[in-house]
Amino acid sequence: MTDPSDALSTPAGLESTAVLLERARSGDHDARERLFARFLPILTRWAHRRLPIRARGLADTDDLVQITLIRALNRISAFEPRREGAFLAYLRTILLNAVREQMRRSLRLPPHEELEEDSGRPEPSEFERWIGREKLELYERGLANLPEDQREAVLLRIEFGYTHRQIADALGKPSANAARMMVARALLVLARAIDDGPER
């Protein structure tokens, strides 16, 4: 089975994404549908790794991903598509906001029977297990302080699993090596921000 992100790993795939974003901004319904089909599997894989188990139990993950894409495409006229990485960062923000909204709603509702055994501390996501729950907030703060292109590079590599070649294409870098160096520099800054903690 072909990985849907493979279509984005060549300059032609990148150009197609940029063209589709521009056409969608002009009201092209077919371009919106193609963007939806292209980014749905990428965002779904990200959500299954990134969202806490508790959040995934509140609403079907696939539903949240679809809602995210619909919201993003409905607001596409307000989004200036500079790079594919910027679009994925935009989708990530909308999805995280949708999850927070679901979590807030769940706190106002009586607990469901199937969630009673999880009523203690929620199970961490795969990403939280990797970075550590206590450092997740520092990671998010550090990300927010990175320059935009470096933030996109980190998200594409760490959270979306892009190769350095795919990152180069998504960010308009000349080579996989250039993307690798950008990711390495950004991760170094991010690691320092996490290690220094909130007092930094």
N, C-alpha and C. Protein backbone atom coordinates (compact mmCIF):
# COMPACT_ATOMS: atom_id res chain seq x y z
N MET A 1 0.85 -1.19 0.00
CA MET A 1 0.00 0.00 0.00
C MET A 1 0.88 1.25 0.00
N THR A 2 0.58 2.20 -0.87
CA THR A 2 1.40 3.40 -1.00
C THR A 2 1.09 4.36 0.13
N ASP A 3 2.13 4.91 0.71
CA ASP A 3 1.99 5.93 1.75
C ASP A 3 1.51 7.21 1.09
N PRO A 4 0.36 7.79 1.55
CA PRO A 4 -0.15 9.00 0.91
C PRO A 4 0.84 10.15 0.93
N SER A 5 1.74 10.18 1.92
CA SER A 5 2.70 11.28 1.95
C SER A 5 3.74 11.17 0.85
N ASP A 6 3.84 9.97 0.20
CA ASP A 6 4.78 9.82 -0.91
C ASP A 6 4.46 10.78 -2.04
N ALA A 7 3.17 11.07 -2.21
CA ALA A 7 2.76 11.99 -3.28
C ALA A 7 3.29 13.39 -3.04
N LEU A 8 3.70 13.67 -1.80
CA LEU A 8 4.17 15.00 -1.46
C LEU A 8 5.68 15.08 -1.44
N SER A 9 6.36 13.97 -1.79
CA SER A 9 7.81 13.90 -1.60
C SER A 9 8.60 14.35 -2.82
N THR A 10 7.94 14.79 -3.86
CA THR A 10 8.63 15.26 -5.05
C THR A 10 8.24 16.71 -5.31
N PRO A 11 9.08 17.46 -6.04
CA PRO A 11 8.71 18.83 -6.37
C PRO A 11 7.37 18.91 -7.08
N ALA A 12 7.05 17.91 -7.94
CA ALA A 12 5.76 17.93 -8.64
C ALA A 12 4.62 17.82 -7.64
N GLY A 13 4.79 16.95 -6.62
CA GLY A 13 3.75 16.80 -5.60
C GLY A 13 3.58 18.09 -4.82
N LEU A 14 4.70 18.74 -4.50
CA LEU A 14 4.66 20.00 -3.77
C LEU A 14 3.95 21.07 -4.61
N GLU A 15 4.32 21.15 -5.88
CA GLU A 15 3.70 22.14 -6.76
C GLU A 15 2.20 21.89 -6.83
N SER A 16 1.81 20.63 -6.92
CA SER A 16 0.41 20.29 -7.00
C SER A 16 -0.34 20.74 -5.74
N THR A 17 0.29 20.56 -4.57
CA THR A 17 -0.32 21.01 -3.32
C THR A 17 -0.50 22.52 -3.34
N ALA A 18 0.54 23.25 -3.74
CA ALA A 18 0.46 24.70 -3.80
C ALA A 18 -0.61 25.16 -4.77
N VAL A 19 -0.68 24.49 -5.93
CA VAL A 19 -1.69 24.83 -6.93
C VAL A 19 -3.08 24.55 -6.39
N LEU A 20 -3.25 23.40 -5.73
CA LEU A 20 -4.56 23.06 -5.17
C LEU A 20 -4.99 24.06 -4.10
N LEU A 21 -4.06 24.49 -3.25
CA LEU A 21 -4.39 25.48 -2.23
C LEU A 21 -4.84 26.79 -2.88
N GLU A 22 -4.12 27.21 -3.92
CA GLU A 22 -4.49 28.45 -4.61
C GLU A 22 -5.85 28.32 -5.28
N ARG A 23 -6.09 27.18 -5.92
CA ARG A 23 -7.38 26.97 -6.58
C ARG A 23 -8.51 26.92 -5.56
N ALA A 24 -8.25 26.28 -4.42
CA ALA A 24 -9.27 26.19 -3.37
C ALA A 24 -9.60 27.59 -2.85
N ARG A 25 -8.60 28.44 -2.72
CA ARG A 25 -8.84 29.82 -2.28
C ARG A 25 -9.70 30.58 -3.27
N SER A 26 -9.64 30.17 -4.53
CA SER A 26 -10.45 30.83 -5.57
C SER A 26 -11.85 30.23 -5.68
N GLY A 27 -12.15 29.27 -4.80
CA GLY A 27 -13.50 28.69 -4.78
C GLY A 27 -13.67 27.42 -5.59
N ASP A 28 -12.57 26.80 -6.01
CA ASP A 28 -12.64 25.57 -6.81
C ASP A 28 -12.99 24.38 -5.90
N HIS A 29 -14.19 23.85 -6.08
CA HIS A 29 -14.69 22.75 -5.24
C HIS A 29 -13.86 21.47 -5.44
N ASP A 30 -13.46 21.19 -6.67
CA ASP A 30 -12.67 19.99 -6.95
C ASP A 30 -11.31 20.05 -6.24
N ALA A 31 -10.71 21.23 -6.21
CA ALA A 31 -9.43 21.40 -5.52
C ALA A 31 -9.59 21.15 -4.02
N ARG A 32 -10.69 21.63 -3.44
CA ARG A 32 -10.98 21.38 -2.02
C ARG A 32 -11.09 19.88 -1.75
N GLU A 33 -11.80 19.17 -2.61
CA GLU A 33 -11.98 17.72 -2.44
C GLU A 33 -10.65 16.99 -2.53
N ARG A 34 -9.80 17.41 -3.46
CA ARG A 34 -8.50 16.75 -3.61
C ARG A 34 -7.59 17.04 -2.42
N LEU A 35 -7.64 18.26 -1.89
CA LEU A 35 -6.86 18.57 -0.68
C LEU A 35 -7.36 17.75 0.50
N PHE A 36 -8.68 17.61 0.60
CA PHE A 36 -9.27 16.82 1.68
C PHE A 36 -8.74 15.38 1.60
N ALA A 37 -8.81 14.79 0.40
CA ALA A 37 -8.37 13.40 0.22
C ALA A 37 -6.86 13.26 0.46
N ARG A 38 -6.09 14.27 0.11
CA ARG A 38 -4.64 14.20 0.26
C ARG A 38 -4.22 14.28 1.73
N PHE A 39 -4.83 15.19 2.50
CA PHE A 39 -4.37 15.43 3.86
C PHE A 39 -5.11 14.62 4.92
N LEU A 40 -6.23 14.01 4.58
CA LEU A 40 -6.97 13.20 5.55
C LEU A 40 -6.12 12.08 6.15
N PRO A 41 -5.46 11.23 5.35
CA PRO A 41 -4.66 10.15 5.95
C PRO A 41 -3.45 10.66 6.74
N ILE A 42 -2.84 11.75 6.29
CA ILE A 42 -1.68 12.30 7.00
C ILE A 42 -2.09 12.80 8.38
N LEU A 43 -3.20 13.54 8.43
CA LEU A 43 -3.68 14.10 9.70
C LEU A 43 -4.24 13.02 10.61
N THR A 44 -4.84 11.99 10.03
CA THR A 44 -5.37 10.88 10.83
C THR A 44 -4.24 10.13 11.52
N ARG A 45 -3.15 9.84 10.78
CA ARG A 45 -2.00 9.17 11.39
C ARG A 45 -1.42 10.01 12.52
N TRP A 46 -1.33 11.33 12.27
CA TRP A 46 -0.80 12.23 13.30
C TRP A 46 -1.69 12.18 14.54
N ALA A 47 -3.00 12.25 14.35
CA ALA A 47 -3.94 12.28 15.48
C ALA A 47 -3.84 11.02 16.32
N HIS A 48 -3.69 9.87 15.68
CA HIS A 48 -3.61 8.61 16.44
C HIS A 48 -2.34 8.54 17.28
N ARG A 49 -1.27 9.21 16.84
CA ARG A 49 -0.03 9.22 17.63
C ARG A 49 -0.02 10.33 18.67
N ARG A 50 -0.65 11.46 18.34
CA ARG A 50 -0.49 12.67 19.14
C ARG A 50 -1.56 12.88 20.21
N LEU A 51 -2.79 12.41 19.94
CA LEU A 51 -3.88 12.70 20.88
C LEU A 51 -3.86 11.73 22.04
N PRO A 52 -4.16 12.22 23.26
CA PRO A 52 -4.26 11.32 24.41
C PRO A 52 -5.39 10.32 24.21
N ILE A 53 -5.27 9.15 24.81
CA ILE A 53 -6.31 8.12 24.70
C ILE A 53 -7.64 8.67 25.17
N ARG A 54 -7.64 9.44 26.26
CA ARG A 54 -8.87 10.03 26.78
C ARG A 54 -9.55 10.89 25.73
N ALA A 55 -8.77 11.71 25.02
CA ALA A 55 -9.33 12.58 23.98
C ALA A 55 -9.88 11.75 22.84
N ARG A 56 -9.18 10.66 22.50
CA ARG A 56 -9.65 9.82 21.40
C ARG A 56 -10.96 9.14 21.77
N GLY A 57 -11.23 8.94 23.06
CA GLY A 57 -12.47 8.32 23.47
C GLY A 57 -13.65 9.27 23.45
N LEU A 58 -13.39 10.59 23.46
CA LEU A 58 -14.48 11.56 23.52
C LEU A 58 -15.24 11.64 22.21
N ALA A 59 -14.56 11.56 21.13
CA ALA A 59 -15.18 11.59 19.81
C ALA A 59 -14.27 10.79 18.91
N ASP A 60 -14.86 10.14 17.96
CA ASP A 60 -14.06 9.34 17.05
C ASP A 60 -12.97 10.21 16.42
N THR A 61 -11.74 9.72 16.47
CA THR A 61 -10.60 10.49 15.94
C THR A 61 -10.82 10.86 14.49
N ASP A 62 -11.33 9.93 13.70
CA ASP A 62 -11.56 10.22 12.29
C ASP A 62 -12.56 11.36 12.12
N ASP A 63 -13.57 11.42 12.99
CA ASP A 63 -14.53 12.52 12.93
C ASP A 63 -13.86 13.86 13.22
N LEU A 64 -13.01 13.88 14.27
CA LEU A 64 -12.31 15.12 14.61
C LEU A 64 -11.41 15.58 13.46
N VAL A 65 -10.74 14.63 12.82
CA VAL A 65 -9.86 14.97 11.70
C VAL A 65 -10.68 15.53 10.54
N GLN A 66 -11.80 14.91 10.25
CA GLN A 66 -12.65 15.40 9.15
C GLN A 66 -13.20 16.79 9.47
N ILE A 67 -13.62 17.00 10.72
CA ILE A 67 -14.11 18.33 11.13
C ILE A 67 -13.00 19.37 10.96
N THR A 68 -11.78 18.98 11.34
CA THR A 68 -10.63 19.88 11.21
C THR A 68 -10.41 20.29 9.76
N LEU A 69 -10.42 19.31 8.87
CA LEU A 69 -10.19 19.61 7.45
C LEU A 69 -11.31 20.46 6.88
N ILE A 70 -12.55 20.17 7.27
CA ILE A 70 -13.68 20.97 6.78
C ILE A 70 -13.55 22.41 7.27
N ARG A 71 -13.21 22.58 8.57
CA ARG A 71 -13.03 23.95 9.11
C ARG A 71 -11.92 24.68 8.38
N ALA A 72 -10.80 23.98 8.17
CA ALA A 72 -9.65 24.62 7.49
C ALA A 72 -10.02 25.02 6.07
N LEU A 73 -10.67 24.14 5.35
CA LEU A 73 -11.01 24.43 3.95
C LEU A 73 -12.10 25.48 3.85
N ASN A 74 -12.98 25.56 4.86
CA ASN A 74 -14.00 26.61 4.87
C ASN A 74 -13.38 27.99 5.11
N ARG A 75 -12.20 28.00 5.76
CA ARG A 75 -11.52 29.26 6.06
C ARG A 75 -10.32 29.49 5.14
N ILE A 76 -10.23 28.72 4.08
CA ILE A 76 -9.03 28.74 3.24
C ILE A 76 -8.79 30.12 2.62
N SER A 77 -9.85 30.90 2.42
CA SER A 77 -9.67 32.23 1.82
C SER A 77 -8.90 33.17 2.76
N ALA A 78 -8.94 32.87 4.07
CA ALA A 78 -8.21 33.69 5.04
C ALA A 78 -6.80 33.19 5.28
N PHE A 79 -6.47 32.03 4.72
CA PHE A 79 -5.15 31.44 4.91
C PHE A 79 -4.29 31.68 3.68
N GLU A 80 -3.14 32.28 3.87
CA GLU A 80 -2.22 32.53 2.76
C GLU A 80 -1.27 31.35 2.64
N PRO A 81 -1.47 30.48 1.63
CA PRO A 81 -0.64 29.26 1.53
C PRO A 81 0.76 29.57 1.04
N ARG A 82 1.69 29.70 1.98
CA ARG A 82 3.07 29.96 1.61
C ARG A 82 3.81 28.67 1.31
N ARG A 83 3.59 27.68 2.16
CA ARG A 83 4.29 26.39 2.01
C ARG A 83 3.36 25.29 2.51
N GLU A 84 3.62 24.09 2.05
CA GLU A 84 2.87 22.93 2.53
C GLU A 84 3.03 22.76 4.04
N GLY A 85 4.24 23.03 4.55
CA GLY A 85 4.49 22.92 5.98
C GLY A 85 3.61 23.88 6.78
N ALA A 86 3.38 25.07 6.23
CA ALA A 86 2.52 26.05 6.90
C ALA A 86 1.09 25.54 6.95
N PHE A 87 0.65 24.87 5.88
CA PHE A 87 -0.72 24.35 5.85
C PHE A 87 -0.88 23.23 6.89
N LEU A 88 0.10 22.34 7.01
CA LEU A 88 0.01 21.28 8.01
C LEU A 88 0.06 21.84 9.43
N ALA A 89 0.87 22.87 9.65
CA ALA A 89 0.91 23.51 10.97
C ALA A 89 -0.45 24.13 11.29
N TYR A 90 -1.08 24.72 10.29
CA TYR A 90 -2.42 25.30 10.41
C TYR A 90 -3.45 24.22 10.76
N LEU A 91 -3.39 23.09 10.06
CA LEU A 91 -4.30 21.97 10.35
C LEU A 91 -4.09 21.45 11.77
N ARG A 92 -2.83 21.33 12.19
CA ARG A 92 -2.51 20.85 13.53
C ARG A 92 -3.14 21.75 14.60
N THR A 93 -3.02 23.07 14.40
CA THR A 93 -3.59 24.02 15.36
C THR A 93 -5.10 23.86 15.46
N ILE A 94 -5.76 23.75 14.32
CA ILE A 94 -7.22 23.60 14.32
C ILE A 94 -7.62 22.29 15.01
N LEU A 95 -6.88 21.20 14.74
CA LEU A 95 -7.21 19.92 15.36
C LEU A 95 -6.98 19.95 16.87
N LEU A 96 -5.88 20.54 17.32
CA LEU A 96 -5.64 20.64 18.76
C LEU A 96 -6.73 21.47 19.44
N ASN A 97 -7.20 22.54 18.77
CA ASN A 97 -8.29 23.34 19.33
C ASN A 97 -9.58 22.54 19.40
N ALA A 98 -9.84 21.72 18.38
CA ALA A 98 -11.04 20.87 18.39
C ALA A 98 -10.98 19.86 19.53
N VAL A 99 -9.79 19.32 19.79
CA VAL A 99 -9.62 18.35 20.89
C VAL A 99 -9.84 19.05 22.23
N ARG A 100 -9.25 20.24 22.39
CA ARG A 100 -9.44 20.98 23.65
C ARG A 100 -10.92 21.28 23.89
N GLU A 101 -11.61 21.63 22.82
CA GLU A 101 -13.05 21.90 22.91
C GLU A 101 -13.80 20.65 23.37
N GLN A 102 -13.44 19.50 22.80
CA GLN A 102 -14.08 18.23 23.21
C GLN A 102 -13.76 17.91 24.67
N MET A 103 -12.51 18.16 25.08
CA MET A 103 -12.12 17.88 26.47
C MET A 103 -12.90 18.77 27.44
N ARG A 104 -13.07 20.05 27.09
CA ARG A 104 -13.83 20.96 27.96
C ARG A 104 -15.28 20.50 28.08
N ARG A 105 -15.86 20.09 26.95
CA ARG A 105 -17.24 19.61 26.97
C ARG A 105 -17.38 18.37 27.85
N SER A 106 -16.39 17.49 27.78
CA SER A 106 -16.48 16.24 28.55
C SER A 106 -16.44 16.51 30.05
N LEU A 107 -15.76 17.58 30.46
CA LEU A 107 -15.68 17.91 31.88
C LEU A 107 -17.02 18.39 32.42
N ARG A 108 -17.88 18.91 31.53
CA ARG A 108 -19.19 19.39 31.95
C ARG A 108 -20.26 18.30 31.93
N LEU A 109 -19.93 17.15 31.34
CA LEU A 109 -20.90 16.06 31.22
C LEU A 109 -20.65 15.01 32.28
N PRO A 110 -21.71 14.28 32.70
CA PRO A 110 -21.47 13.17 33.63
C PRO A 110 -20.61 12.11 32.96
N PRO A 111 -19.74 11.44 33.71
CA PRO A 111 -18.85 10.45 33.08
C PRO A 111 -19.64 9.29 32.47
N HIS A 112 -19.15 8.82 31.32
CA HIS A 112 -19.75 7.66 30.68
C HIS A 112 -19.24 6.40 31.35
N GLU A 113 -20.09 5.40 31.37
CA GLU A 113 -19.70 4.14 32.03
C GLU A 113 -18.42 3.57 31.47
N GLU A 114 -18.27 3.65 30.14
CA GLU A 114 -17.09 3.04 29.54
C GLU A 114 -15.81 3.80 29.87
N LEU A 115 -15.94 5.04 30.39
CA LEU A 115 -14.76 5.81 30.73
C LEU A 115 -14.47 5.79 32.23
N GLU A 116 -15.33 5.14 33.01
CA GLU A 116 -15.16 5.19 34.46
C GLU A 116 -13.81 4.63 34.90
N GLU A 117 -13.38 3.54 34.28
CA GLU A 117 -12.10 2.96 34.70
C GLU A 117 -10.93 3.87 34.34
N ASP A 118 -11.16 4.83 33.42
CA ASP A 118 -10.11 5.77 33.05
C ASP A 118 -10.29 7.11 33.76
N SER A 119 -11.14 7.14 34.79
CA SER A 119 -11.48 8.41 35.39
C SER A 119 -10.32 9.02 36.18
N GLY A 120 -9.26 8.24 36.42
CA GLY A 120 -8.07 8.80 37.04
C GLY A 120 -7.28 9.59 36.03
N ARG A 121 -6.00 9.56 36.15
CA ARG A 121 -5.14 10.30 35.23
C ARG A 121 -5.25 9.71 33.83
N PRO A 122 -5.52 10.53 32.80
CA PRO A 122 -5.68 9.99 31.45
C PRO A 122 -4.40 9.37 30.91
N GLU A 123 -4.58 8.34 30.09
CA GLU A 123 -3.43 7.69 29.46
C GLU A 123 -2.77 8.67 28.50
N PRO A 124 -1.45 8.72 28.48
CA PRO A 124 -0.78 9.65 27.56
C PRO A 124 -0.84 9.14 26.12
N SER A 125 -0.66 10.07 25.20
CA SER A 125 -0.55 9.68 23.81
C SER A 125 0.84 9.09 23.58
N GLU A 126 1.03 8.53 22.39
CA GLU A 126 2.35 8.00 22.02
C GLU A 126 3.39 9.12 22.09
N PHE A 127 3.00 10.31 21.65
CA PHE A 127 3.92 11.45 21.66
C PHE A 127 4.26 11.86 23.09
N GLU A 128 3.25 11.88 23.98
CA GLU A 128 3.49 12.22 25.38
C GLU A 128 4.41 11.21 26.05
N ARG A 129 4.23 9.92 25.71
CA ARG A 129 5.11 8.90 26.29
C ARG A 129 6.55 9.13 25.85
N TRP A 130 6.72 9.60 24.60
CA TRP A 130 8.06 9.81 24.07
C TRP A 130 8.71 11.04 24.72
N ILE A 131 7.98 12.15 24.79
CA ILE A 131 8.59 13.39 25.29
C ILE A 131 8.45 13.52 26.80
N GLY A 132 7.47 12.87 27.39
CA GLY A 132 7.21 13.01 28.83
C GLY A 132 6.11 14.03 29.05
N ARG A 133 5.11 13.63 29.80
CA ARG A 133 3.93 14.47 30.01
C ARG A 133 4.29 15.84 30.57
N GLU A 134 5.22 15.86 31.53
CA GLU A 134 5.57 17.12 32.19
C GLU A 134 6.30 18.09 31.26
N LYS A 135 6.90 17.57 30.18
CA LYS A 135 7.66 18.45 29.28
C LYS A 135 6.84 18.87 28.06
N LEU A 136 5.63 18.33 27.95
CA LEU A 136 4.82 18.63 26.77
C LEU A 136 4.49 20.12 26.66
N GLU A 137 4.16 20.73 27.78
CA GLU A 137 3.84 22.16 27.77
C GLU A 137 5.07 22.99 27.39
N LEU A 138 6.24 22.59 27.90
CA LEU A 138 7.48 23.29 27.55
C LEU A 138 7.79 23.13 26.06
N TYR A 139 7.51 21.93 25.55
CA TYR A 139 7.70 21.67 24.11
C TYR A 139 6.83 22.61 23.29
N GLU A 140 5.54 22.72 23.67
CA GLU A 140 4.61 23.57 22.92
C GLU A 140 5.06 25.04 22.98
N ARG A 141 5.51 25.48 24.17
CA ARG A 141 5.99 26.86 24.31
C ARG A 141 7.23 27.09 23.46
N GLY A 142 8.15 26.13 23.51
CA GLY A 142 9.36 26.23 22.71
C GLY A 142 9.06 26.29 21.23
N LEU A 143 8.12 25.46 20.78
CA LEU A 143 7.70 25.48 19.37
C LEU A 143 7.20 26.86 18.97
N ALA A 144 6.34 27.44 19.83
CA ALA A 144 5.74 28.74 19.53
C ALA A 144 6.80 29.82 19.38
N ASN A 145 7.95 29.66 20.04
CA ASN A 145 9.01 30.67 20.00
C ASN A 145 10.00 30.48 18.84
N LEU A 146 9.89 29.36 18.13
CA LEU A 146 10.78 29.15 16.99
C LEU A 146 10.34 30.02 15.81
N PRO A 147 11.28 30.40 14.93
CA PRO A 147 10.86 31.05 13.67
C PRO A 147 9.93 30.10 12.91
N GLU A 148 9.04 30.68 12.12
CA GLU A 148 7.99 29.90 11.47
C GLU A 148 8.51 28.73 10.66
N ASP A 149 9.54 28.93 9.84
CA ASP A 149 10.03 27.84 9.00
C ASP A 149 10.65 26.72 9.84
N GLN A 150 11.34 27.09 10.94
CA GLN A 150 11.91 26.07 11.81
C GLN A 150 10.82 25.29 12.55
N ARG A 151 9.78 26.01 12.99
CA ARG A 151 8.65 25.34 13.65
C ARG A 151 8.01 24.32 12.70
N GLU A 152 7.80 24.72 11.46
CA GLU A 152 7.23 23.81 10.47
C GLU A 152 8.13 22.60 10.24
N ALA A 153 9.44 22.84 10.18
CA ALA A 153 10.39 21.74 9.96
C ALA A 153 10.32 20.73 11.10
N VAL A 154 10.25 21.21 12.34
CA VAL A 154 10.16 20.31 13.50
C VAL A 154 8.85 19.53 13.46
N LEU A 155 7.75 20.22 13.19
CA LEU A 155 6.46 19.54 13.15
C LEU A 155 6.45 18.46 12.07
N LEU A 156 6.96 18.80 10.89
CA LEU A 156 6.97 17.83 9.79
C LEU A 156 7.81 16.61 10.13
N ARG A 157 8.96 16.83 10.78
CA ARG A 157 9.86 15.72 11.09
C ARG A 157 9.39 14.92 12.30
N ILE A 158 9.14 15.60 13.42
CA ILE A 158 8.86 14.91 14.68
C ILE A 158 7.42 14.43 14.78
N GLU A 159 6.47 15.25 14.35
CA GLU A 159 5.07 14.90 14.55
C GLU A 159 4.42 14.26 13.34
N PHE A 160 4.83 14.66 12.13
CA PHE A 160 4.21 14.09 10.93
C PHE A 160 5.07 13.02 10.26
N GLY A 161 6.31 12.83 10.76
CA GLY A 161 7.15 11.74 10.25
C GLY A 161 7.67 11.92 8.84
N TYR A 162 7.77 13.15 8.36
CA TYR A 162 8.30 13.40 7.02
C TYR A 162 9.79 13.08 6.97
N THR A 163 10.25 12.62 5.82
CA THR A 163 11.68 12.44 5.60
C THR A 163 12.30 13.82 5.37
N HIS A 164 13.63 13.89 5.41
CA HIS A 164 14.29 15.17 5.16
C HIS A 164 14.06 15.62 3.72
N ARG A 165 13.96 14.69 2.80
CA ARG A 165 13.66 15.05 1.41
C ARG A 165 12.26 15.66 1.31
N GLN A 166 11.28 15.06 1.99
CA GLN A 166 9.92 15.60 1.98
C GLN A 166 9.87 16.98 2.64
N ILE A 167 10.64 17.15 3.71
CA ILE A 167 10.68 18.45 4.38
C ILE A 167 11.28 19.50 3.45
N ALA A 168 12.35 19.14 2.76
CA ALA A 168 12.97 20.07 1.80
C ALA A 168 11.95 20.51 0.76
N ASP A 169 11.20 19.56 0.22
CA ASP A 169 10.19 19.88 -0.79
C ASP A 169 9.07 20.74 -0.20
N ALA A 170 8.62 20.38 1.01
CA ALA A 170 7.51 21.10 1.64
C ALA A 170 7.87 22.52 2.03
N LEU A 171 9.15 22.77 2.34
CA LEU A 171 9.57 24.10 2.78
C LEU A 171 10.36 24.86 1.71
N GLY A 172 10.51 24.24 0.54
CA GLY A 172 11.23 24.92 -0.54
C GLY A 172 12.73 25.02 -0.32
N LYS A 173 13.30 24.03 0.40
CA LYS A 173 14.74 24.00 0.63
C LYS A 173 15.43 23.29 -0.54
N PRO A 174 16.71 23.61 -0.81
CA PRO A 174 17.37 23.05 -1.99
C PRO A 174 17.69 21.57 -1.92
N SER A 175 17.80 21.01 -0.70
CA SER A 175 18.20 19.60 -0.60
C SER A 175 17.74 19.00 0.73
N ALA A 176 17.78 17.66 0.77
CA ALA A 176 17.48 16.96 2.02
C ALA A 176 18.48 17.35 3.11
N ASN A 177 19.73 17.59 2.71
CA ASN A 177 20.76 17.98 3.66
C ASN A 177 20.46 19.34 4.29
N ALA A 178 19.98 20.27 3.47
CA ALA A 178 19.61 21.60 3.99
C ALA A 178 18.47 21.47 4.99
N ALA A 179 17.50 20.59 4.67
CA ALA A 179 16.38 20.36 5.59
C ALA A 179 16.87 19.71 6.88
N ARG A 180 17.79 18.75 6.75
CA ARG A 180 18.35 18.06 7.92
C ARG A 180 19.03 19.07 8.86
N MET A 181 19.81 19.98 8.28
CA MET A 181 20.50 20.98 9.10
C MET A 181 19.50 21.92 9.78
N MET A 182 18.45 22.30 9.06
CA MET A 182 17.43 23.18 9.64
C MET A 182 16.74 22.49 10.81
N VAL A 183 16.36 21.22 10.62
CA VAL A 183 15.71 20.45 11.69
C VAL A 183 16.65 20.34 12.89
N ALA A 184 17.91 20.02 12.65
CA ALA A 184 18.87 19.84 13.74
C ALA A 184 19.04 21.13 14.54
N ARG A 185 19.15 22.27 13.84
CA ARG A 185 19.29 23.56 14.54
C ARG A 185 18.05 23.87 15.37
N ALA A 186 16.89 23.63 14.78
CA ALA A 186 15.63 23.92 15.48
C ALA A 186 15.47 23.01 16.70
N LEU A 187 15.82 21.73 16.56
CA LEU A 187 15.70 20.81 17.68
C LEU A 187 16.66 21.17 18.80
N LEU A 188 17.82 21.70 18.46
CA LEU A 188 18.78 22.12 19.48
C LEU A 188 18.20 23.28 20.31
N VAL A 189 17.62 24.26 19.63
CA VAL A 189 16.98 25.39 20.32
C VAL A 189 15.82 24.90 21.18
N LEU A 190 15.03 23.99 20.61
CA LEU A 190 13.86 23.45 21.33
C LEU A 190 14.30 22.65 22.55
N ALA A 191 15.33 21.85 22.42
CA ALA A 191 15.84 21.05 23.55
C ALA A 191 16.32 21.96 24.68
N ARG A 192 16.98 23.06 24.32
CA ARG A 192 17.43 24.00 25.35
C ARG A 192 16.24 24.61 26.08
N ALA A 193 15.20 24.99 25.32
CA ALA A 193 14.01 25.59 25.92
C ALA A 193 13.34 24.61 26.88
N ILE A 194 13.30 23.33 26.50
CA ILE A 194 12.68 22.31 27.36
C ILE A 194 13.53 22.07 28.60
N ASP A 195 14.84 21.98 28.41
CA ASP A 195 15.74 21.72 29.54
C ASP A 195 15.79 22.87 30.53
N ASP A 196 15.68 24.10 30.02
CA ASP A 196 15.73 25.26 30.89
C ASP A 196 14.44 25.47 31.67
N GLY A 197 13.35 24.87 31.18
CA GLY A 197 12.09 24.95 31.91
C GLY A 197 11.43 26.31 31.80
N PRO A 198 10.36 26.51 32.59
CA PRO A 198 9.53 27.71 32.45
C PRO A 198 10.23 29.01 32.82
N GLU A 199 11.34 28.94 33.55
CA GLU A 199 11.99 30.18 33.96
C GLU A 199 12.74 30.86 32.83
N ARG A 200 12.95 30.10 31.71
CA ARG A 200 13.70 30.69 30.58
C ARG A 200 12.91 31.82 29.94
